[in-house]
Amino acid sequence: MSAQHVASLLREFGKSVGMDDLALDETGLCTLGFDEQIVNIHFDERSSNLVLFAALGSLPVEGRERALALLMEANLFWSGTGGATLALEPGANVVMLHHQVRADMEQADFEALLQQFVDLSDYWSGKLADGGGAAPTTGEADGPVAPGMRV
């Protein structure tokens, strides 16, 4: 899959939201803002994959262990991430959400993936801002993602 296909996906999405010049930059990156959430889309030409990633916020100092347990539970079989992965950026104490998928998708699949990723980013940013919430229980990490919702 080529960067031209990804450019077409972005261009069509951009037109639908009133951003006619939406495109990858010279490094293969496109950064979008959705309310207060920043989502990055990177095209890796070597693998022909799209990588979506977002910084969700700092891991809370108070309740750190509880928050980490919740994030780890969500990662188990992607039960709370819809196929994405939650991680901690080394040295920065920032929780990241990232998702890597093949770029050879249809427009509707791309837009559904992007919407799901934004929803997940909002959900987990809120959980972090809330200090991770209560101690995780089975199924709590499911968040806004239904099983099988992956693109």
N, C-alpha and C. Protein backbone atom coordinates (compact mmCIF):
# COMPACT_ATOMS: atom_id res chain seq x y z
N MET A 1 0.87 -1.18 0.00
CA MET A 1 0.00 0.00 0.00
C MET A 1 0.90 1.23 0.00
N SER A 2 0.50 2.21 -0.72
CA SER A 2 1.35 3.37 -0.90
C SER A 2 0.88 4.56 -0.07
N ALA A 3 1.77 5.50 0.04
CA ALA A 3 1.43 6.76 0.71
C ALA A 3 0.31 7.47 -0.05
N GLN A 4 0.17 7.20 -1.33
CA GLN A 4 -0.90 7.83 -2.12
C GLN A 4 -2.28 7.38 -1.62
N HIS A 5 -2.40 6.11 -1.24
CA HIS A 5 -3.67 5.63 -0.71
C HIS A 5 -3.99 6.31 0.62
N VAL A 6 -2.98 6.41 1.46
CA VAL A 6 -3.17 7.07 2.76
C VAL A 6 -3.51 8.54 2.55
N ALA A 7 -2.85 9.16 1.59
CA ALA A 7 -3.15 10.56 1.28
C ALA A 7 -4.61 10.70 0.85
N SER A 8 -5.11 9.74 0.09
CA SER A 8 -6.50 9.76 -0.33
C SER A 8 -7.45 9.60 0.86
N LEU A 9 -7.13 8.68 1.77
CA LEU A 9 -7.95 8.50 2.98
C LEU A 9 -8.04 9.79 3.77
N LEU A 10 -6.89 10.44 3.96
CA LEU A 10 -6.86 11.69 4.73
C LEU A 10 -7.58 12.82 4.00
N ARG A 11 -7.37 12.89 2.69
CA ARG A 11 -8.00 13.95 1.91
C ARG A 11 -9.53 13.83 1.98
N GLU A 12 -10.05 12.62 1.82
CA GLU A 12 -11.50 12.41 1.88
C GLU A 12 -12.05 12.68 3.27
N PHE A 13 -11.32 12.24 4.29
CA PHE A 13 -11.75 12.54 5.66
C PHE A 13 -11.74 14.05 5.88
N GLY A 14 -10.68 14.70 5.43
CA GLY A 14 -10.56 16.15 5.58
C GLY A 14 -11.72 16.89 4.93
N LYS A 15 -12.09 16.46 3.74
CA LYS A 15 -13.23 17.09 3.06
C LYS A 15 -14.50 16.95 3.87
N SER A 16 -14.68 15.79 4.51
CA SER A 16 -15.91 15.55 5.27
C SER A 16 -16.00 16.38 6.54
N VAL A 17 -14.86 16.90 7.01
CA VAL A 17 -14.86 17.73 8.23
C VAL A 17 -14.45 19.17 7.95
N GLY A 18 -14.40 19.55 6.67
CA GLY A 18 -14.10 20.92 6.31
C GLY A 18 -12.63 21.30 6.35
N MET A 19 -11.75 20.32 6.15
CA MET A 19 -10.30 20.57 6.12
C MET A 19 -9.77 20.03 4.79
N ASP A 20 -9.95 20.80 3.74
CA ASP A 20 -9.63 20.33 2.40
C ASP A 20 -8.15 20.02 2.17
N ASP A 21 -7.26 20.56 2.99
CA ASP A 21 -5.83 20.35 2.77
C ASP A 21 -5.21 19.34 3.72
N LEU A 22 -6.00 18.45 4.30
CA LEU A 22 -5.48 17.46 5.24
C LEU A 22 -4.57 16.49 4.51
N ALA A 23 -3.34 16.33 5.04
CA ALA A 23 -2.34 15.47 4.38
C ALA A 23 -1.26 15.08 5.37
N LEU A 24 -0.48 14.09 4.97
CA LEU A 24 0.73 13.73 5.71
C LEU A 24 1.79 14.80 5.47
N ASP A 25 2.62 15.04 6.47
CA ASP A 25 3.74 15.95 6.25
C ASP A 25 4.90 15.18 5.62
N GLU A 26 6.04 15.82 5.45
CA GLU A 26 7.18 15.20 4.79
C GLU A 26 7.74 14.00 5.54
N THR A 27 7.41 13.86 6.83
CA THR A 27 7.88 12.71 7.61
C THR A 27 6.84 11.59 7.67
N GLY A 28 5.69 11.78 7.01
CA GLY A 28 4.64 10.77 7.01
C GLY A 28 3.69 10.88 8.18
N LEU A 29 3.61 12.06 8.80
CA LEU A 29 2.80 12.27 10.00
C LEU A 29 1.69 13.29 9.74
N CYS A 30 0.54 13.03 10.32
CA CYS A 30 -0.58 13.97 10.31
C CYS A 30 -1.07 14.06 11.75
N THR A 31 -1.16 15.28 12.27
CA THR A 31 -1.61 15.50 13.64
C THR A 31 -2.96 16.21 13.61
N LEU A 32 -3.93 15.61 14.32
CA LEU A 32 -5.28 16.15 14.34
C LEU A 32 -5.70 16.45 15.78
N GLY A 33 -6.47 17.51 15.95
CA GLY A 33 -7.03 17.84 17.25
C GLY A 33 -8.52 17.58 17.27
N PHE A 34 -8.97 16.84 18.26
CA PHE A 34 -10.39 16.56 18.47
C PHE A 34 -10.73 17.05 19.86
N ASP A 35 -11.41 18.20 19.94
CA ASP A 35 -11.65 18.87 21.22
C ASP A 35 -10.30 19.04 21.91
N GLU A 36 -10.11 18.38 23.04
CA GLU A 36 -8.83 18.54 23.76
C GLU A 36 -7.86 17.40 23.51
N GLN A 37 -8.22 16.45 22.65
CA GLN A 37 -7.38 15.28 22.39
C GLN A 37 -6.61 15.44 21.09
N ILE A 38 -5.31 15.22 21.14
CA ILE A 38 -4.46 15.26 19.96
C ILE A 38 -4.22 13.82 19.51
N VAL A 39 -4.50 13.53 18.24
CA VAL A 39 -4.29 12.21 17.67
C VAL A 39 -3.30 12.35 16.51
N ASN A 40 -2.29 11.51 16.53
CA ASN A 40 -1.28 11.49 15.48
C ASN A 40 -1.49 10.27 14.60
N ILE A 41 -1.35 10.48 13.30
CA ILE A 41 -1.46 9.39 12.34
C ILE A 41 -0.14 9.37 11.57
N HIS A 42 0.53 8.24 11.62
CA HIS A 42 1.81 8.10 10.92
C HIS A 42 1.72 6.95 9.93
N PHE A 43 2.22 7.18 8.72
CA PHE A 43 2.29 6.11 7.73
C PHE A 43 3.72 5.60 7.68
N ASP A 44 3.88 4.32 7.97
CA ASP A 44 5.20 3.67 7.91
C ASP A 44 5.31 2.98 6.56
N GLU A 45 6.07 3.57 5.65
CA GLU A 45 6.19 3.02 4.29
C GLU A 45 6.82 1.64 4.27
N ARG A 46 7.74 1.37 5.19
CA ARG A 46 8.40 0.05 5.19
C ARG A 46 7.41 -1.07 5.42
N SER A 47 6.46 -0.87 6.33
CA SER A 47 5.50 -1.93 6.66
C SER A 47 4.14 -1.73 6.01
N SER A 48 3.92 -0.59 5.39
CA SER A 48 2.62 -0.20 4.83
C SER A 48 1.54 -0.19 5.91
N ASN A 49 1.93 0.23 7.11
CA ASN A 49 0.99 0.32 8.23
C ASN A 49 0.74 1.76 8.62
N LEU A 50 -0.46 1.97 9.14
CA LEU A 50 -0.77 3.24 9.79
C LEU A 50 -0.58 3.03 11.28
N VAL A 51 0.01 4.00 11.93
CA VAL A 51 0.15 3.98 13.37
C VAL A 51 -0.56 5.21 13.91
N LEU A 52 -1.59 4.97 14.72
CA LEU A 52 -2.29 6.06 15.40
C LEU A 52 -1.76 6.09 16.82
N PHE A 53 -1.46 7.29 17.32
CA PHE A 53 -0.99 7.37 18.71
C PHE A 53 -1.41 8.69 19.33
N ALA A 54 -1.59 8.63 20.66
CA ALA A 54 -2.01 9.81 21.41
C ALA A 54 -1.46 9.74 22.81
N ALA A 55 -1.01 10.90 23.31
CA ALA A 55 -0.62 11.02 24.71
C ALA A 55 -1.89 11.26 25.51
N LEU A 56 -2.10 10.45 26.54
CA LEU A 56 -3.35 10.52 27.30
C LEU A 56 -3.25 11.32 28.58
N GLY A 57 -2.04 11.57 29.03
CA GLY A 57 -1.85 12.31 30.27
C GLY A 57 -0.86 11.58 31.16
N SER A 58 -0.55 12.22 32.26
CA SER A 58 0.42 11.64 33.20
C SER A 58 -0.22 10.58 34.06
N LEU A 59 0.57 9.59 34.38
CA LEU A 59 0.14 8.57 35.32
C LEU A 59 0.04 9.25 36.69
N PRO A 60 -1.08 9.08 37.39
CA PRO A 60 -1.24 9.78 38.67
C PRO A 60 -0.23 9.30 39.71
N VAL A 61 0.23 10.21 40.54
CA VAL A 61 1.14 9.84 41.62
C VAL A 61 0.35 9.11 42.71
N GLU A 62 -0.76 9.70 43.11
CA GLU A 62 -1.65 9.07 44.09
C GLU A 62 -2.48 8.02 43.36
N GLY A 63 -2.42 6.80 43.79
CA GLY A 63 -3.16 5.73 43.14
C GLY A 63 -2.47 5.18 41.91
N ARG A 64 -1.16 5.37 41.81
CA ARG A 64 -0.39 4.92 40.65
C ARG A 64 -0.57 3.42 40.40
N GLU A 65 -0.47 2.64 41.46
CA GLU A 65 -0.58 1.18 41.32
C GLU A 65 -1.98 0.79 40.82
N ARG A 66 -2.99 1.44 41.34
CA ARG A 66 -4.36 1.17 40.92
C ARG A 66 -4.55 1.52 39.44
N ALA A 67 -4.01 2.67 39.03
CA ALA A 67 -4.13 3.09 37.63
C ALA A 67 -3.38 2.13 36.70
N LEU A 68 -2.18 1.72 37.10
CA LEU A 68 -1.42 0.77 36.29
C LEU A 68 -2.15 -0.56 36.15
N ALA A 69 -2.76 -1.02 37.24
CA ALA A 69 -3.51 -2.27 37.19
C ALA A 69 -4.68 -2.15 36.21
N LEU A 70 -5.35 -1.03 36.22
CA LEU A 70 -6.48 -0.81 35.31
C LEU A 70 -6.00 -0.81 33.85
N LEU A 71 -4.89 -0.14 33.58
CA LEU A 71 -4.34 -0.09 32.22
C LEU A 71 -3.90 -1.47 31.75
N MET A 72 -3.26 -2.21 32.64
CA MET A 72 -2.80 -3.56 32.28
C MET A 72 -3.99 -4.48 32.01
N GLU A 73 -5.04 -4.37 32.80
CA GLU A 73 -6.23 -5.19 32.57
C GLU A 73 -6.84 -4.85 31.22
N ALA A 74 -6.85 -3.60 30.86
CA ALA A 74 -7.41 -3.18 29.57
C ALA A 74 -6.60 -3.74 28.41
N ASN A 75 -5.28 -3.89 28.59
CA ASN A 75 -4.42 -4.43 27.54
C ASN A 75 -4.60 -5.93 27.34
N LEU A 76 -5.04 -6.65 28.37
CA LEU A 76 -5.16 -8.10 28.27
C LEU A 76 -6.13 -8.46 27.15
N PHE A 77 -5.62 -9.09 26.12
CA PHE A 77 -6.40 -9.45 24.94
C PHE A 77 -7.14 -8.25 24.36
N TRP A 78 -6.63 -7.05 24.60
CA TRP A 78 -7.17 -5.79 24.08
C TRP A 78 -8.62 -5.58 24.50
N SER A 79 -8.99 -6.12 25.68
CA SER A 79 -10.38 -6.10 26.13
C SER A 79 -10.92 -4.70 26.35
N GLY A 80 -10.05 -3.75 26.66
CA GLY A 80 -10.51 -2.38 26.88
C GLY A 80 -9.89 -1.38 25.93
N THR A 81 -9.35 -1.90 24.82
CA THR A 81 -8.65 -1.00 23.91
C THR A 81 -9.01 -1.18 22.44
N GLY A 82 -9.88 -2.11 22.14
CA GLY A 82 -10.29 -2.30 20.75
C GLY A 82 -9.16 -2.62 19.81
N GLY A 83 -8.13 -3.27 20.29
CA GLY A 83 -7.00 -3.62 19.44
C GLY A 83 -5.81 -2.68 19.59
N ALA A 84 -6.00 -1.57 20.26
CA ALA A 84 -4.90 -0.64 20.53
C ALA A 84 -4.16 -1.11 21.78
N THR A 85 -3.08 -0.44 22.11
CA THR A 85 -2.29 -0.80 23.29
C THR A 85 -2.02 0.45 24.11
N LEU A 86 -2.13 0.29 25.42
CA LEU A 86 -1.78 1.35 26.36
C LEU A 86 -0.36 1.10 26.84
N ALA A 87 0.43 2.16 26.96
CA ALA A 87 1.83 2.02 27.37
C ALA A 87 2.25 3.27 28.14
N LEU A 88 3.35 3.13 28.83
CA LEU A 88 3.94 4.24 29.58
C LEU A 88 5.21 4.68 28.87
N GLU A 89 5.27 5.94 28.47
CA GLU A 89 6.46 6.46 27.79
C GLU A 89 7.62 6.51 28.78
N PRO A 90 8.72 5.85 28.46
CA PRO A 90 9.84 5.79 29.40
C PRO A 90 10.36 7.18 29.77
N GLY A 91 10.55 7.40 31.04
CA GLY A 91 11.14 8.64 31.52
C GLY A 91 10.21 9.83 31.55
N ALA A 92 9.05 9.73 30.95
CA ALA A 92 8.17 10.89 30.87
C ALA A 92 6.92 10.76 31.75
N ASN A 93 6.63 9.54 32.21
CA ASN A 93 5.44 9.28 33.04
C ASN A 93 4.16 9.63 32.30
N VAL A 94 4.18 9.52 30.98
CA VAL A 94 3.01 9.83 30.16
C VAL A 94 2.45 8.53 29.60
N VAL A 95 1.14 8.34 29.76
CA VAL A 95 0.48 7.16 29.23
C VAL A 95 0.14 7.43 27.77
N MET A 96 0.48 6.49 26.93
CA MET A 96 0.24 6.59 25.49
C MET A 96 -0.73 5.50 25.06
N LEU A 97 -1.54 5.83 24.06
CA LEU A 97 -2.39 4.85 23.40
C LEU A 97 -1.90 4.79 21.96
N HIS A 98 -1.69 3.57 21.45
CA HIS A 98 -1.26 3.46 20.06
C HIS A 98 -1.91 2.24 19.42
N HIS A 99 -2.09 2.35 18.12
CA HIS A 99 -2.74 1.29 17.35
C HIS A 99 -2.07 1.23 15.99
N GLN A 100 -1.63 0.04 15.61
CA GLN A 100 -1.00 -0.16 14.30
C GLN A 100 -1.89 -1.07 13.46
N VAL A 101 -2.21 -0.64 12.27
CA VAL A 101 -3.07 -1.41 11.37
C VAL A 101 -2.55 -1.29 9.94
N ARG A 102 -2.94 -2.25 9.11
CA ARG A 102 -2.62 -2.18 7.69
C ARG A 102 -3.30 -0.96 7.08
N ALA A 103 -2.62 -0.29 6.20
CA ALA A 103 -3.16 0.94 5.60
C ALA A 103 -4.11 0.67 4.44
N ASP A 104 -4.20 -0.55 3.99
CA ASP A 104 -5.01 -0.85 2.81
C ASP A 104 -6.48 -1.06 3.17
N MET A 105 -7.08 -0.03 3.73
CA MET A 105 -8.48 -0.10 4.15
C MET A 105 -9.34 0.83 3.32
N GLU A 106 -10.62 0.57 3.39
CA GLU A 106 -11.59 1.42 2.72
C GLU A 106 -11.81 2.70 3.55
N GLN A 107 -12.36 3.71 2.92
CA GLN A 107 -12.59 5.00 3.57
C GLN A 107 -13.46 4.84 4.82
N ALA A 108 -14.55 4.10 4.72
CA ALA A 108 -15.45 3.92 5.87
C ALA A 108 -14.74 3.25 7.04
N ASP A 109 -13.86 2.28 6.73
CA ASP A 109 -13.11 1.60 7.79
C ASP A 109 -12.12 2.54 8.46
N PHE A 110 -11.47 3.38 7.66
CA PHE A 110 -10.53 4.36 8.20
C PHE A 110 -11.25 5.32 9.15
N GLU A 111 -12.39 5.83 8.71
CA GLU A 111 -13.12 6.79 9.53
C GLU A 111 -13.66 6.14 10.80
N ALA A 112 -14.09 4.88 10.71
CA ALA A 112 -14.56 4.16 11.91
C ALA A 112 -13.40 3.93 12.87
N LEU A 113 -12.24 3.56 12.34
CA LEU A 113 -11.05 3.36 13.16
C LEU A 113 -10.66 4.65 13.87
N LEU A 114 -10.66 5.74 13.13
CA LEU A 114 -10.29 7.03 13.71
C LEU A 114 -11.28 7.44 14.80
N GLN A 115 -12.56 7.26 14.56
CA GLN A 115 -13.58 7.60 15.56
C GLN A 115 -13.40 6.74 16.82
N GLN A 116 -13.18 5.45 16.63
CA GLN A 116 -12.97 4.55 17.77
C GLN A 116 -11.73 4.98 18.56
N PHE A 117 -10.67 5.34 17.85
CA PHE A 117 -9.43 5.74 18.51
C PHE A 117 -9.62 7.03 19.31
N VAL A 118 -10.33 7.98 18.75
CA VAL A 118 -10.61 9.23 19.46
C VAL A 118 -11.46 8.94 20.70
N ASP A 119 -12.47 8.10 20.55
CA ASP A 119 -13.32 7.74 21.70
C ASP A 119 -12.50 7.07 22.80
N LEU A 120 -11.63 6.15 22.41
CA LEU A 120 -10.77 5.48 23.38
C LEU A 120 -9.83 6.47 24.06
N SER A 121 -9.26 7.36 23.28
CA SER A 121 -8.35 8.37 23.84
C SER A 121 -9.07 9.23 24.87
N ASP A 122 -10.28 9.66 24.54
CA ASP A 122 -11.08 10.45 25.48
C ASP A 122 -11.38 9.65 26.74
N TYR A 123 -11.79 8.40 26.58
CA TYR A 123 -12.14 7.55 27.71
C TYR A 123 -10.96 7.39 28.66
N TRP A 124 -9.80 6.98 28.10
CA TRP A 124 -8.64 6.72 28.96
C TRP A 124 -8.03 8.00 29.50
N SER A 125 -8.10 9.10 28.77
CA SER A 125 -7.64 10.39 29.32
C SER A 125 -8.48 10.75 30.54
N GLY A 126 -9.79 10.53 30.44
CA GLY A 126 -10.68 10.80 31.56
C GLY A 126 -10.38 9.92 32.75
N LYS A 127 -10.12 8.64 32.49
CA LYS A 127 -9.76 7.72 33.58
C LYS A 127 -8.49 8.18 34.29
N LEU A 128 -7.50 8.61 33.52
CA LEU A 128 -6.25 9.08 34.13
C LEU A 128 -6.46 10.36 34.91
N ALA A 129 -7.23 11.27 34.36
CA ALA A 129 -7.51 12.54 35.04
C ALA A 129 -8.24 12.30 36.35
N ASP A 130 -9.01 11.21 36.39
CA ASP A 130 -9.76 10.83 37.58
C ASP A 130 -8.89 10.03 38.55
N GLY A 131 -7.61 9.94 38.27
CA GLY A 131 -6.72 9.19 39.14
C GLY A 131 -6.81 7.69 38.94
N GLY A 132 -7.39 7.25 37.85
CA GLY A 132 -7.50 5.83 37.58
C GLY A 132 -8.79 5.22 38.08
N GLY A 133 -9.59 6.00 38.79
CA GLY A 133 -10.86 5.47 39.29
C GLY A 133 -10.66 4.45 40.38
N ALA A 134 -11.67 3.69 40.63
CA ALA A 134 -11.63 2.67 41.66
C ALA A 134 -10.74 1.51 41.23
N ALA A 135 -10.43 0.64 42.16
CA ALA A 135 -9.64 -0.54 41.85
C ALA A 135 -10.35 -1.33 40.77
N PRO A 136 -9.62 -1.84 39.77
CA PRO A 136 -10.26 -2.54 38.67
C PRO A 136 -10.92 -3.83 39.13
N THR A 137 -12.03 -4.13 38.50
CA THR A 137 -12.70 -5.40 38.70
C THR A 137 -12.89 -6.01 37.33
N THR A 138 -13.16 -7.27 37.27
CA THR A 138 -13.32 -7.95 35.98
C THR A 138 -14.31 -7.20 35.11
N GLY A 139 -13.87 -6.87 33.90
CA GLY A 139 -14.74 -6.20 32.93
C GLY A 139 -14.73 -4.69 33.01
N GLU A 140 -14.17 -4.10 34.09
CA GLU A 140 -14.22 -2.64 34.21
C GLU A 140 -13.43 -1.96 33.11
N ALA A 141 -12.36 -2.59 32.66
CA ALA A 141 -11.51 -1.96 31.67
C ALA A 141 -12.11 -2.00 30.27
N ASP A 142 -13.32 -2.52 30.13
CA ASP A 142 -13.93 -2.64 28.82
C ASP A 142 -14.13 -1.29 28.14
N GLY A 143 -14.30 -0.23 28.90
CA GLY A 143 -14.44 1.10 28.34
C GLY A 143 -15.51 1.14 27.27
N PRO A 144 -15.32 1.97 26.26
CA PRO A 144 -16.33 2.15 25.22
C PRO A 144 -16.24 1.17 24.07
N VAL A 145 -15.45 0.12 24.24
CA VAL A 145 -15.18 -0.78 23.11
C VAL A 145 -15.93 -2.10 23.27
N ALA A 146 -16.69 -2.45 22.30
CA ALA A 146 -17.36 -3.75 22.31
C ALA A 146 -16.42 -4.79 21.71
N PRO A 147 -16.48 -6.03 22.20
CA PRO A 147 -15.62 -7.08 21.61
C PRO A 147 -15.86 -7.17 20.11
N GLY A 148 -14.78 -7.37 19.36
CA GLY A 148 -14.88 -7.52 17.93
C GLY A 148 -15.03 -6.22 17.17
N MET A 149 -14.84 -5.08 17.84
CA MET A 149 -15.03 -3.80 17.21
C MET A 149 -13.81 -3.34 16.41
N ARG A 150 -12.78 -4.16 16.38
CA ARG A 150 -11.56 -3.79 15.68
C ARG A 150 -11.78 -3.73 14.18
N VAL A 151 -11.06 -2.80 13.55
CA VAL A 151 -11.12 -2.66 12.09
C VAL A 151 -10.05 -3.55 11.49
